[in-house]
């Protein structure tokens, strides 16, 4: 028996898998160096994945939560708007230089102005529908 043969059965006992291994492979499991190496590589890979997830979440939490465009996006999602409708809101905000962007959702007259704009003639019906939906105009 070499060191690799002695290490893995103890690791299996520590994880509670010893009974399963014994039932399926018997008491004398011949673990070669390749199997031990594979287990080591998988363990390192799992640790790296966990580390990457933690780093990503830390990075994400450092981003400013009061970003004006993010607020517009969250409000659009809260109103159940589709992504295409949200893009249209972004176009209107950029066209008229509305600051902060979420202010668009407080001023129904901006939708009327955009609907009559030559640039938005193809989206006129969608803009008016959004106005009615967001401001409950009947």
C-alpha atoms as a PDB file:
ATOM      1  CA  UNK A   1       0.000   0.000   0.000  1.00  0.00           C
ATOM      2  CA  UNK A   2       1.260   3.440  -0.824  1.00  0.00           C
ATOM      3  CA  UNK A   3       0.346   6.800   0.734  1.00  0.00           C
ATOM      4  CA  UNK A   4      -2.339   7.505  -1.885  1.00  0.00           C
ATOM      5  CA  UNK A   5      -4.125   4.269  -0.993  1.00  0.00           C
ATOM      6  CA  UNK A   6      -4.199   5.240   2.686  1.00  0.00           C
ATOM      7  CA  UNK A   7      -5.357   8.848   2.229  1.00  0.00           C
ATOM      8  CA  UNK A   8      -8.569   8.405   0.249  1.00  0.00           C
ATOM      9  CA  UNK A   9     -10.348   5.936   2.550  1.00  0.00           C
ATOM     10  CA  UNK A  10      -9.831   8.375   5.447  1.00  0.00           C
ATOM     11  CA  UNK A  11     -11.165  11.247   3.344  1.00  0.00           C
ATOM     12  CA  UNK A  12     -14.193   9.117   2.431  1.00  0.00           C
ATOM     13  CA  UNK A  13     -14.863   8.408   6.117  1.00  0.00           C
ATOM     14  CA  UNK A  14     -14.659  12.103   6.901  1.00  0.00           C
ATOM     15  CA  UNK A  15     -17.353  12.865   4.327  1.00  0.00           C
ATOM     16  CA  UNK A  16     -19.595   9.960   5.319  1.00  0.00           C
ATOM     17  CA  UNK A  17     -19.087   8.127   2.045  1.00  0.00           C
ATOM     18  CA  UNK A  18     -17.059   5.254   3.489  1.00  0.00           C
ATOM     19  CA  UNK A  19     -20.063   2.944   3.808  1.00  0.00           C
ATOM     20  CA  UNK A  20     -21.096   3.602   0.239  1.00  0.00           C
ATOM     21  CA  UNK A  21     -17.578   3.003  -1.059  1.00  0.00           C
ATOM     22  CA  UNK A  22     -17.248  -0.176   0.947  1.00  0.00           C
ATOM     23  CA  UNK A  23     -20.624  -1.480  -0.252  1.00  0.00           C
ATOM     24  CA  UNK A  24     -19.792  -0.841  -3.908  1.00  0.00           C
ATOM     25  CA  UNK A  25     -16.077  -1.545  -4.052  1.00  0.00           C
ATOM     26  CA  UNK A  26     -15.303  -3.729  -1.036  1.00  0.00           C
ATOM     27  CA  UNK A  27     -12.845  -3.075   1.751  1.00  0.00           C
ATOM     28  CA  UNK A  28      -9.732  -3.039  -0.425  1.00  0.00           C
ATOM     29  CA  UNK A  29     -10.193  -0.123  -2.763  1.00  0.00           C
ATOM     30  CA  UNK A  30      -7.193   0.320  -4.987  1.00  0.00           C
ATOM     31  CA  UNK A  31      -6.934   4.055  -5.486  1.00  0.00           C
ATOM     32  CA  UNK A  32      -4.168   4.856  -7.890  1.00  0.00           C
ATOM     33  CA  UNK A  33      -2.304   8.137  -8.016  1.00  0.00           C
ATOM     34  CA  UNK A  34      -4.439   9.219 -10.963  1.00  0.00           C
ATOM     35  CA  UNK A  35      -7.653   8.954  -8.930  1.00  0.00           C
ATOM     36  CA  UNK A  36      -6.108  10.811  -5.997  1.00  0.00           C
ATOM     37  CA  UNK A  37      -4.890  13.511  -8.365  1.00  0.00           C
ATOM     38  CA  UNK A  38      -8.332  13.785  -9.941  1.00  0.00           C
ATOM     39  CA  UNK A  39      -9.969  14.220  -6.540  1.00  0.00           C
ATOM     40  CA  UNK A  40      -7.401  16.885  -5.694  1.00  0.00           C
ATOM     41  CA  UNK A  41      -8.011  18.747  -8.950  1.00  0.00           C
ATOM     42  CA  UNK A  42     -11.778  18.632  -8.398  1.00  0.00           C
ATOM     43  CA  UNK A  43     -11.375  19.943  -4.855  1.00  0.00           C
ATOM     44  CA  UNK A  44      -9.187  22.823  -6.056  1.00  0.00           C
ATOM     45  CA  UNK A  45     -11.657  23.590  -8.850  1.00  0.00           C
ATOM     46  CA  UNK A  46     -14.562  23.697  -6.371  1.00  0.00           C
ATOM     47  CA  UNK A  47     -12.619  26.055  -4.112  1.00  0.00           C
ATOM     48  CA  UNK A  48     -11.784  28.320  -7.063  1.00  0.00           C
ATOM     49  CA  UNK A  49     -15.429  28.436  -8.167  1.00  0.00           C
ATOM     50  CA  UNK A  50     -16.532  29.365  -4.643  1.00  0.00           C
ATOM     51  CA  UNK A  51     -13.830  32.031  -4.440  1.00  0.00           C
ATOM     52  CA  UNK A  52     -14.889  33.486  -7.829  1.00  0.00           C
ATOM     53  CA  UNK A  53     -18.539  33.655  -6.772  1.00  0.00           C
ATOM     54  CA  UNK A  54     -17.656  35.434  -3.530  1.00  0.00           C
ATOM     55  CA  UNK A  55     -15.442  37.923  -5.382  1.00  0.00           C
ATOM     56  CA  UNK A  56     -18.148  38.586  -7.982  1.00  0.00           C
ATOM     57  CA  UNK A  57     -20.731  39.240  -5.274  1.00  0.00           C
ATOM     58  CA  UNK A  58     -18.356  41.559  -3.418  1.00  0.00           C
ATOM     59  CA  UNK A  59     -17.665  43.464  -6.635  1.00  0.00           C
ATOM     60  CA  UNK A  60     -21.358  43.706  -7.374  1.00  0.00           C
ATOM     61  CA  UNK A  61     -22.180  45.010  -3.906  1.00  0.00           C
ATOM     62  CA  UNK A  62     -19.653  47.847  -4.290  1.00  0.00           C
ATOM     63  CA  UNK A  63     -21.479  49.301  -7.287  1.00  0.00           C
ATOM     64  CA  UNK A  64     -23.534  52.371  -6.468  1.00  0.00           C
ATOM     65  CA  UNK A  65     -27.119  51.427  -5.788  1.00  0.00           C
ATOM     66  CA  UNK A  66     -28.439  54.875  -6.648  1.00  0.00           C
ATOM     67  CA  UNK A  67     -27.426  54.858 -10.300  1.00  0.00           C
ATOM     68  CA  UNK A  68     -30.068  56.882 -12.186  1.00  0.00           C
ATOM     69  CA  UNK A  69     -30.321  54.484 -15.137  1.00  0.00           C
ATOM     70  CA  UNK A  70     -30.638  51.514 -12.786  1.00  0.00           C
ATOM     71  CA  UNK A  71     -33.561  53.237 -11.071  1.00  0.00           C
ATOM     72  CA  UNK A  72     -35.327  53.673 -14.408  1.00  0.00           C
ATOM     73  CA  UNK A  73     -34.725  50.007 -15.205  1.00  0.00           C
ATOM     74  CA  UNK A  74     -36.040  48.853 -11.819  1.00  0.00           C
ATOM     75  CA  UNK A  75     -39.144  51.023 -12.179  1.00  0.00           C
ATOM     76  CA  UNK A  76     -39.756  49.690 -15.679  1.00  0.00           C
ATOM     77  CA  UNK A  77     -39.460  46.132 -14.364  1.00  0.00           C
ATOM     78  CA  UNK A  78     -41.775  46.954 -11.448  1.00  0.00           C
ATOM     79  CA  UNK A  79     -44.378  48.125 -13.965  1.00  0.00           C
ATOM     80  CA  UNK A  80     -43.937  44.917 -15.948  1.00  0.00           C
ATOM     81  CA  UNK A  81     -42.568  46.579 -19.072  1.00  0.00           C
ATOM     82  CA  UNK A  82     -40.947  44.462 -21.738  1.00  0.00           C
ATOM     83  CA  UNK A  83     -37.302  45.024 -22.613  1.00  0.00           C
ATOM     84  CA  UNK A  84     -38.277  46.699 -25.911  1.00  0.00           C
ATOM     85  CA  UNK A  85     -40.523  49.149 -24.041  1.00  0.00           C
ATOM     86  CA  UNK A  86     -37.705  49.871 -21.624  1.00  0.00           C
ATOM     87  CA  UNK A  87     -35.388  50.611 -24.549  1.00  0.00           C
ATOM     88  CA  UNK A  88     -37.970  53.024 -25.902  1.00  0.00           C
ATOM     89  CA  UNK A  89     -38.023  54.830 -22.541  1.00  0.00           C
ATOM     90  CA  UNK A  90     -34.222  55.094 -22.740  1.00  0.00           C
ATOM     91  CA  UNK A  91     -34.478  56.605 -26.222  1.00  0.00           C
ATOM     92  CA  UNK A  92     -37.016  59.184 -25.046  1.00  0.00           C
ATOM     93  CA  UNK A  93     -34.866  60.116 -22.046  1.00  0.00           C
ATOM     94  CA  UNK A  94     -31.782  60.560 -24.236  1.00  0.00           C
ATOM     95  CA  UNK A  95     -33.662  62.487 -26.911  1.00  0.00           C
ATOM     96  CA  UNK A  96     -34.995  65.060 -24.457  1.00  0.00           C
ATOM     97  CA  UNK A  97     -32.086  65.028 -21.985  1.00  0.00           C
ATOM     98  CA  UNK A  98     -34.295  64.190 -19.020  1.00  0.00           C
ATOM     99  CA  UNK A  99     -32.320  64.172 -15.763  1.00  0.00           C
ATOM    100  CA  UNK A 100     -32.630  62.030 -13.761  1.00  0.00           C
ATOM    101  CA  UNK A 101     -33.958  59.462 -16.254  1.00  0.00           C
ATOM    102  CA  UNK A 102     -36.660  58.115 -13.894  1.00  0.00           C
ATOM    103  CA  UNK A 103     -38.273  61.573 -13.980  1.00  0.00           C
ATOM    104  CA  UNK A 104     -39.843  60.476 -17.271  1.00  0.00           C
ATOM    105  CA  UNK A 105     -42.169  58.231 -15.268  1.00  0.00           C
ATOM    106  CA  UNK A 106     -43.412  61.224 -13.274  1.00  0.00           C
ATOM    107  CA  UNK A 107     -44.297  63.468 -16.214  1.00  0.00           C
ATOM    108  CA  UNK A 108     -47.003  62.134 -18.538  1.00  0.00           C
ATOM    109  CA  UNK A 109     -46.670  65.150 -20.831  1.00  0.00           C
ATOM    110  CA  UNK A 110     -43.234  63.847 -21.912  1.00  0.00           C
ATOM    111  CA  UNK A 111     -44.953  60.860 -23.525  1.00  0.00           C
ATOM    112  CA  UNK A 112     -47.285  63.126 -25.491  1.00  0.00           C
ATOM    113  CA  UNK A 113     -44.315  65.190 -26.661  1.00  0.00           C
ATOM    114  CA  UNK A 114     -42.444  62.057 -27.742  1.00  0.00           C
ATOM    115  CA  UNK A 115     -45.516  60.669 -29.530  1.00  0.00           C
ATOM    116  CA  UNK A 116     -45.746  63.820 -31.636  1.00  0.00           C
ATOM    117  CA  UNK A 117     -41.984  63.872 -32.384  1.00  0.00           C
ATOM    118  CA  UNK A 118     -41.012  62.927 -35.948  1.00  0.00           C
ATOM    119  CA  UNK A 119     -38.206  60.714 -34.606  1.00  0.00           C
ATOM    120  CA  UNK A 120     -40.699  58.494 -32.771  1.00  0.00           C
ATOM    121  CA  UNK A 121     -43.477  58.295 -35.382  1.00  0.00           C
ATOM    122  CA  UNK A 122     -43.004  54.536 -35.859  1.00  0.00           C
ATOM    123  CA  UNK A 123     -43.370  54.000 -32.087  1.00  0.00           C
ATOM    124  CA  UNK A 124     -46.230  56.473 -31.632  1.00  0.00           C
ATOM    125  CA  UNK A 125     -48.823  53.819 -30.717  1.00  0.00           C
ATOM    126  CA  UNK A 126     -46.450  52.108 -28.290  1.00  0.00           C
ATOM    127  CA  UNK A 127     -45.621  55.432 -26.607  1.00  0.00           C
ATOM    128  CA  UNK A 128     -49.299  56.296 -26.174  1.00  0.00           C
ATOM    129  CA  UNK A 129     -50.009  52.796 -24.875  1.00  0.00           C
ATOM    130  CA  UNK A 130     -47.179  53.173 -22.344  1.00  0.00           C
ATOM    131  CA  UNK A 131     -48.543  56.545 -21.253  1.00  0.00           C
ATOM    132  CA  UNK A 132     -51.994  55.071 -20.685  1.00  0.00           C
ATOM    133  CA  UNK A 133     -50.591  52.047 -18.906  1.00  0.00           C
ATOM    134  CA  UNK A 134     -48.170  53.898 -16.639  1.00  0.00           C
ATOM    135  CA  UNK A 135     -50.466  56.767 -15.739  1.00  0.00           C
ATOM    136  CA  UNK A 136     -53.749  54.842 -15.853  1.00  0.00           C
ATOM    137  CA  UNK A 137     -55.242  57.257 -18.384  1.00  0.00           C
ATOM    138  CA  UNK A 138     -58.633  56.131 -19.644  1.00  0.00           C
END
